[in-house]
Amino acid sequence: MKPKKVDFRETEDLKEYLFYFLKSFVESNSDFSVDYEVFESRLNICKECEHFDSENVRCGDCGCELFSKARESFNRCPLEKWEYDIDGFMKRHHHEIRMNMDSMYAALETPNE
C-alpha cells in the first residue's frame, strides 16, 4: 500500500492526522484514570467546597458525580479548585503516545523541507 501524502504545513492535513491519531489512542482502551492519591486529593478538596453535595456526592455547581469526575485525568474542577492530571497522564501514557505517533507518521509520505 502506497503511503498517504501529507503536508503538515497544510491545516487540513494536520487536522486529519490529529483526528486519526486521537481516534486510535481513544480506541486503544487505555485507562485514563488518575492515581489513587490524586483521586483522594481531589475528593478531599471537593468535600471542603461550599458546593459539595454530601448526600449525592455531587458538585452543586456543575452537577457532576464526583466519584467519576475526580477519577479521570481529562477532568478538572470548573471552579478551578483542582486541575487536569497532566503529569500523571504523561507519566503513564507518554511512551504509548510517542510510539503510536511514530508509527502513524512513518506510514505517511511527507514533503521534503
Foldseek 3Di string as FASTA:
>chain_A
DAFAEAECVDPVSVVVLVVVLVVVVVVVPDDQFFPPVQLVVVLVLLVPDPQQDVVQCAGNPPGDNSNVQSGGQCHDDPVRSGDRPVVRNCVPCVVVSVVSSVVSVVSHDYDDD
